[in-house]
Amino acid sequence: MQEPINSTFDYRLTMLTNGYILFYFLLLLQIKMYVTHTGNNLVHMSVRTKDGSDLGKVIAVDNRDITVGGKKTFKFPIELIEQFKKNNVFVNINTNEIYRFKIPKN
């Protein structure tokens, strides 16, 4: 008996979606492992948003968060890291969105 077209399409869509979820999970896991093992090497690297704004330099790294100091100080989850290039860390967030991670000055 031949399966209806919709169920075949649904199955393929489910498999494709699951593949993307697995890929994204593995990418996040790889970034987290890299940061955890090379945390000290990230200190003093420049951090840039996805729209190119310079946030400052990495001043601290722990298992969950990265702290960036410059004109303002930010602390955000490691999962926001998108890529590393030379001495730059690029985060997957734009300048307007990063302010929710701003640490207020005392």
N, C-alpha and C. Protein backbone atom coordinates (compact mmCIF):
# COMPACT_ATOMS: atom_id res chain seq x y z
N MET A 1 0.84 -1.17 0.00
CA MET A 1 0.00 0.00 0.00
C MET A 1 0.89 1.25 0.00
N GLN A 2 0.56 2.20 -0.81
CA GLN A 2 1.36 3.42 -0.94
C GLN A 2 0.95 4.41 0.14
N GLU A 3 1.98 5.06 0.75
CA GLU A 3 1.71 6.06 1.78
C GLU A 3 1.17 7.33 1.15
N PRO A 4 0.29 8.02 1.86
CA PRO A 4 -0.17 9.31 1.35
C PRO A 4 1.00 10.30 1.27
N ILE A 5 0.91 11.21 0.33
CA ILE A 5 1.99 12.18 0.10
C ILE A 5 2.26 13.01 1.34
N ASN A 6 1.22 13.42 2.06
CA ASN A 6 1.40 14.27 3.23
C ASN A 6 2.23 13.61 4.32
N SER A 7 2.02 12.33 4.56
CA SER A 7 2.78 11.66 5.61
C SER A 7 4.25 11.53 5.22
N THR A 8 4.54 11.29 3.96
CA THR A 8 5.93 11.24 3.49
C THR A 8 6.58 12.60 3.64
N PHE A 9 5.85 13.65 3.26
CA PHE A 9 6.37 15.01 3.40
C PHE A 9 6.62 15.35 4.87
N ASP A 10 5.66 14.99 5.73
CA ASP A 10 5.81 15.25 7.16
C ASP A 10 7.02 14.53 7.72
N TYR A 11 7.22 13.28 7.31
CA TYR A 11 8.37 12.51 7.77
C TYR A 11 9.67 13.19 7.34
N ARG A 12 9.76 13.60 6.08
CA ARG A 12 10.97 14.27 5.58
C ARG A 12 11.20 15.59 6.30
N LEU A 13 10.14 16.35 6.53
CA LEU A 13 10.26 17.62 7.24
C LEU A 13 10.74 17.39 8.67
N THR A 14 10.21 16.36 9.31
CA THR A 14 10.62 16.03 10.67
C THR A 14 12.09 15.64 10.71
N MET A 15 12.53 14.82 9.77
CA MET A 15 13.93 14.41 9.72
C MET A 15 14.83 15.61 9.45
N LEU A 16 14.43 16.51 8.56
CA LEU A 16 15.21 17.70 8.26
C LEU A 16 15.30 18.60 9.49
N THR A 17 14.18 18.81 10.16
CA THR A 17 14.16 19.63 11.37
C THR A 17 15.04 19.02 12.45
N ASN A 18 14.92 17.72 12.65
CA ASN A 18 15.76 17.04 13.65
C ASN A 18 17.24 17.16 13.30
N GLY A 19 17.55 17.11 12.02
CA GLY A 19 18.94 17.28 11.59
C GLY A 19 19.48 18.66 11.93
N TYR A 20 18.66 19.69 11.70
CA TYR A 20 19.08 21.05 12.04
C TYR A 20 19.24 21.23 13.54
N ILE A 21 18.33 20.66 14.31
CA ILE A 21 18.43 20.75 15.77
C ILE A 21 19.69 20.07 16.26
N LEU A 22 19.98 18.89 15.74
CA LEU A 22 21.19 18.17 16.12
C LEU A 22 22.44 18.95 15.73
N PHE A 23 22.45 19.51 14.53
CA PHE A 23 23.58 20.31 14.07
C PHE A 23 23.80 21.50 14.99
N TYR A 24 22.73 22.23 15.32
CA TYR A 24 22.83 23.40 16.19
C TYR A 24 23.33 23.00 17.57
N PHE A 25 22.81 21.89 18.12
CA PHE A 25 23.25 21.40 19.42
C PHE A 25 24.74 21.06 19.41
N LEU A 26 25.18 20.36 18.37
CA LEU A 26 26.59 19.99 18.28
C LEU A 26 27.48 21.22 18.11
N LEU A 27 27.02 22.21 17.37
CA LEU A 27 27.77 23.46 17.22
C LEU A 27 27.92 24.16 18.56
N LEU A 28 26.83 24.27 19.32
CA LEU A 28 26.90 24.89 20.64
C LEU A 28 27.81 24.11 21.58
N LEU A 29 27.72 22.79 21.52
CA LEU A 29 28.58 21.96 22.35
C LEU A 29 30.04 22.17 21.99
N GLN A 30 30.35 22.24 20.71
CA GLN A 30 31.72 22.47 20.26
C GLN A 30 32.23 23.83 20.73
N ILE A 31 31.43 24.86 20.62
CA ILE A 31 31.83 26.20 21.08
C ILE A 31 32.05 26.19 22.58
N LYS A 32 31.13 25.58 23.33
CA LYS A 32 31.27 25.54 24.77
C LYS A 32 32.52 24.78 25.19
N MET A 33 32.81 23.65 24.54
CA MET A 33 34.02 22.89 24.86
C MET A 33 35.26 23.71 24.53
N TYR A 34 35.25 24.39 23.39
CA TYR A 34 36.40 25.22 23.00
C TYR A 34 36.64 26.32 24.02
N VAL A 35 35.58 26.99 24.41
CA VAL A 35 35.72 28.09 25.36
C VAL A 35 36.16 27.56 26.72
N THR A 36 35.61 26.43 27.14
CA THR A 36 35.97 25.86 28.44
C THR A 36 37.45 25.47 28.46
N HIS A 37 37.93 24.87 27.39
CA HIS A 37 39.32 24.42 27.37
C HIS A 37 40.31 25.53 27.06
N THR A 38 39.86 26.59 26.42
CA THR A 38 40.77 27.67 26.04
C THR A 38 40.37 28.99 26.68
N GLY A 39 39.64 28.92 27.79
CA GLY A 39 39.12 30.12 28.43
C GLY A 39 40.18 31.17 28.70
N ASN A 40 41.33 30.75 29.22
CA ASN A 40 42.39 31.72 29.50
C ASN A 40 42.93 32.35 28.23
N ASN A 41 42.89 31.62 27.12
CA ASN A 41 43.37 32.18 25.86
C ASN A 41 42.42 33.23 25.30
N LEU A 42 41.16 33.23 25.72
CA LEU A 42 40.20 34.22 25.23
C LEU A 42 40.38 35.57 25.91
N VAL A 43 40.95 35.56 27.10
CA VAL A 43 41.14 36.82 27.82
C VAL A 43 42.00 37.74 26.97
N HIS A 44 41.59 38.98 26.89
CA HIS A 44 42.22 40.05 26.10
C HIS A 44 41.86 40.01 24.62
N MET A 45 41.05 39.06 24.18
CA MET A 45 40.59 39.07 22.79
C MET A 45 39.48 40.10 22.65
N SER A 46 39.41 40.75 21.49
CA SER A 46 38.36 41.72 21.22
C SER A 46 37.05 41.00 20.92
N VAL A 47 35.95 41.61 21.35
CA VAL A 47 34.63 41.03 21.13
C VAL A 47 33.83 41.98 20.25
N ARG A 48 33.23 41.42 19.21
CA ARG A 48 32.42 42.21 18.28
C ARG A 48 31.05 41.61 18.12
N THR A 49 30.06 42.48 17.92
CA THR A 49 28.70 42.03 17.68
C THR A 49 28.57 41.62 16.23
N LYS A 50 27.41 41.03 15.87
CA LYS A 50 27.22 40.59 14.48
C LYS A 50 27.10 41.76 13.52
N ASP A 51 26.82 42.97 14.03
CA ASP A 51 26.80 44.14 13.16
C ASP A 51 28.12 44.92 13.20
N GLY A 52 29.15 44.33 13.84
CA GLY A 52 30.50 44.87 13.77
C GLY A 52 30.92 45.81 14.89
N SER A 53 30.05 46.08 15.84
CA SER A 53 30.41 47.00 16.94
C SER A 53 31.41 46.34 17.89
N ASP A 54 32.38 47.12 18.31
CA ASP A 54 33.40 46.65 19.25
C ASP A 54 32.88 46.81 20.67
N LEU A 55 32.78 45.70 21.40
CA LEU A 55 32.28 45.74 22.78
C LEU A 55 33.39 45.92 23.79
N GLY A 56 34.60 45.62 23.42
CA GLY A 56 35.72 45.68 24.35
C GLY A 56 36.50 44.39 24.28
N LYS A 57 37.14 44.06 25.40
CA LYS A 57 37.97 42.86 25.46
C LYS A 57 37.44 41.91 26.52
N VAL A 58 37.68 40.62 26.29
CA VAL A 58 37.29 39.60 27.27
C VAL A 58 38.14 39.81 28.52
N ILE A 59 37.46 39.93 29.67
CA ILE A 59 38.20 40.09 30.93
C ILE A 59 38.06 38.87 31.85
N ALA A 60 37.04 38.02 31.58
CA ALA A 60 36.88 36.81 32.40
C ALA A 60 36.04 35.79 31.65
N VAL A 61 36.32 34.51 31.92
CA VAL A 61 35.57 33.41 31.33
C VAL A 61 35.34 32.37 32.41
N ASP A 62 34.09 31.89 32.51
CA ASP A 62 33.83 30.75 33.37
C ASP A 62 33.08 29.69 32.55
N ASN A 63 32.54 28.68 33.18
CA ASN A 63 31.90 27.59 32.44
C ASN A 63 30.65 28.01 31.69
N ARG A 64 30.00 29.10 32.11
CA ARG A 64 28.74 29.50 31.50
C ARG A 64 28.78 30.85 30.81
N ASP A 65 29.61 31.76 31.29
CA ASP A 65 29.55 33.14 30.84
C ASP A 65 30.91 33.70 30.45
N ILE A 66 30.84 34.76 29.65
CA ILE A 66 32.02 35.54 29.29
C ILE A 66 31.76 36.97 29.74
N THR A 67 32.74 37.58 30.37
CA THR A 67 32.63 38.98 30.79
C THR A 67 33.52 39.81 29.90
N VAL A 68 32.94 40.87 29.35
CA VAL A 68 33.64 41.75 28.42
C VAL A 68 33.67 43.15 29.02
N GLY A 69 34.86 43.74 29.03
CA GLY A 69 35.01 45.10 29.55
C GLY A 69 35.49 46.05 28.49
N GLY A 70 34.94 47.22 28.48
CA GLY A 70 35.30 48.29 27.56
C GLY A 70 34.71 49.56 28.13
N LYS A 71 34.06 50.34 27.31
CA LYS A 71 33.35 51.52 27.82
C LYS A 71 32.25 51.08 28.77
N LYS A 72 31.65 49.94 28.49
CA LYS A 72 30.64 49.33 29.35
C LYS A 72 31.06 47.87 29.59
N THR A 73 30.50 47.27 30.63
CA THR A 73 30.82 45.89 30.95
C THR A 73 29.59 45.02 30.67
N PHE A 74 29.84 43.89 30.02
CA PHE A 74 28.77 42.95 29.67
C PHE A 74 29.14 41.55 30.16
N LYS A 75 28.14 40.80 30.57
CA LYS A 75 28.33 39.40 30.93
C LYS A 75 27.22 38.62 30.24
N PHE A 76 27.62 37.74 29.32
CA PHE A 76 26.62 37.01 28.54
C PHE A 76 27.01 35.55 28.42
N PRO A 77 26.03 34.68 28.08
CA PRO A 77 26.29 33.24 28.00
C PRO A 77 27.23 32.88 26.85
N ILE A 78 28.00 31.85 27.05
CA ILE A 78 28.93 31.35 26.04
C ILE A 78 28.20 31.00 24.74
N GLU A 79 26.95 30.59 24.85
CA GLU A 79 26.18 30.17 23.67
C GLU A 79 26.02 31.29 22.64
N LEU A 80 26.24 32.53 23.02
CA LEU A 80 26.13 33.64 22.07
C LEU A 80 27.34 33.75 21.15
N ILE A 81 28.42 33.04 21.46
CA ILE A 81 29.60 33.09 20.59
C ILE A 81 29.28 32.40 19.28
N GLU A 82 29.57 33.09 18.19
CA GLU A 82 29.31 32.54 16.87
C GLU A 82 30.58 32.02 16.22
N GLN A 83 31.67 32.80 16.32
CA GLN A 83 32.92 32.36 15.69
C GLN A 83 34.11 33.11 16.27
N PHE A 84 35.28 32.59 15.96
CA PHE A 84 36.55 33.19 16.34
C PHE A 84 37.33 33.48 15.07
N LYS A 85 37.89 34.66 14.96
CA LYS A 85 38.77 35.00 13.84
C LYS A 85 39.94 35.79 14.37
N LYS A 86 41.13 35.23 14.18
CA LYS A 86 42.36 35.86 14.66
C LYS A 86 42.20 36.22 16.13
N ASN A 87 42.24 37.50 16.49
CA ASN A 87 42.12 37.92 17.88
C ASN A 87 40.73 38.45 18.20
N ASN A 88 39.74 38.06 17.43
CA ASN A 88 38.38 38.55 17.64
C ASN A 88 37.43 37.41 17.96
N VAL A 89 36.51 37.69 18.86
CA VAL A 89 35.40 36.80 19.16
C VAL A 89 34.15 37.50 18.63
N PHE A 90 33.37 36.80 17.81
CA PHE A 90 32.14 37.38 17.27
C PHE A 90 30.95 36.72 17.96
N VAL A 91 30.03 37.57 18.42
CA VAL A 91 28.83 37.05 19.07
C VAL A 91 27.63 37.19 18.14
N ASN A 92 26.68 36.29 18.29
CA ASN A 92 25.51 36.24 17.41
C ASN A 92 24.38 37.09 17.98
N ILE A 93 24.66 38.37 18.17
CA ILE A 93 23.69 39.31 18.72
C ILE A 93 24.10 40.69 18.23
N ASN A 94 23.13 41.56 18.00
CA ASN A 94 23.50 42.89 17.52
C ASN A 94 23.66 43.88 18.68
N THR A 95 24.09 45.07 18.35
CA THR A 95 24.41 46.06 19.37
C THR A 95 23.22 46.41 20.25
N ASN A 96 22.05 46.55 19.66
CA ASN A 96 20.87 46.91 20.46
C ASN A 96 20.49 45.81 21.44
N GLU A 97 20.67 44.56 21.07
CA GLU A 97 20.28 43.44 21.92
C GLU A 97 21.28 43.18 23.05
N ILE A 98 22.52 43.58 22.88
CA ILE A 98 23.56 43.25 23.87
C ILE A 98 23.34 43.99 25.19
N TYR A 99 22.61 45.09 25.16
CA TYR A 99 22.44 45.89 26.37
C TYR A 99 21.63 45.19 27.45
N ARG A 100 20.93 44.14 27.12
CA ARG A 100 20.24 43.39 28.18
C ARG A 100 21.23 42.61 29.05
N PHE A 101 22.49 42.47 28.57
CA PHE A 101 23.53 41.78 29.33
C PHE A 101 24.51 42.75 30.00
N LYS A 102 24.16 44.04 29.99
CA LYS A 102 25.04 45.06 30.57
C LYS A 102 25.05 44.92 32.09
N ILE A 103 26.24 45.04 32.65
CA ILE A 103 26.40 45.02 34.10
C ILE A 103 26.43 46.46 34.59
N PRO A 104 25.53 46.85 35.48
CA PRO A 104 25.52 48.24 35.95
C PRO A 104 26.75 48.55 36.79
N LYS A 105 27.23 49.79 36.67
CA LYS A 105 28.36 50.23 37.48
C LYS A 105 27.87 50.57 38.88
N ASN A 106 28.71 50.29 39.85
CA ASN A 106 28.34 50.58 41.25
C ASN A 106 28.52 52.04 41.55
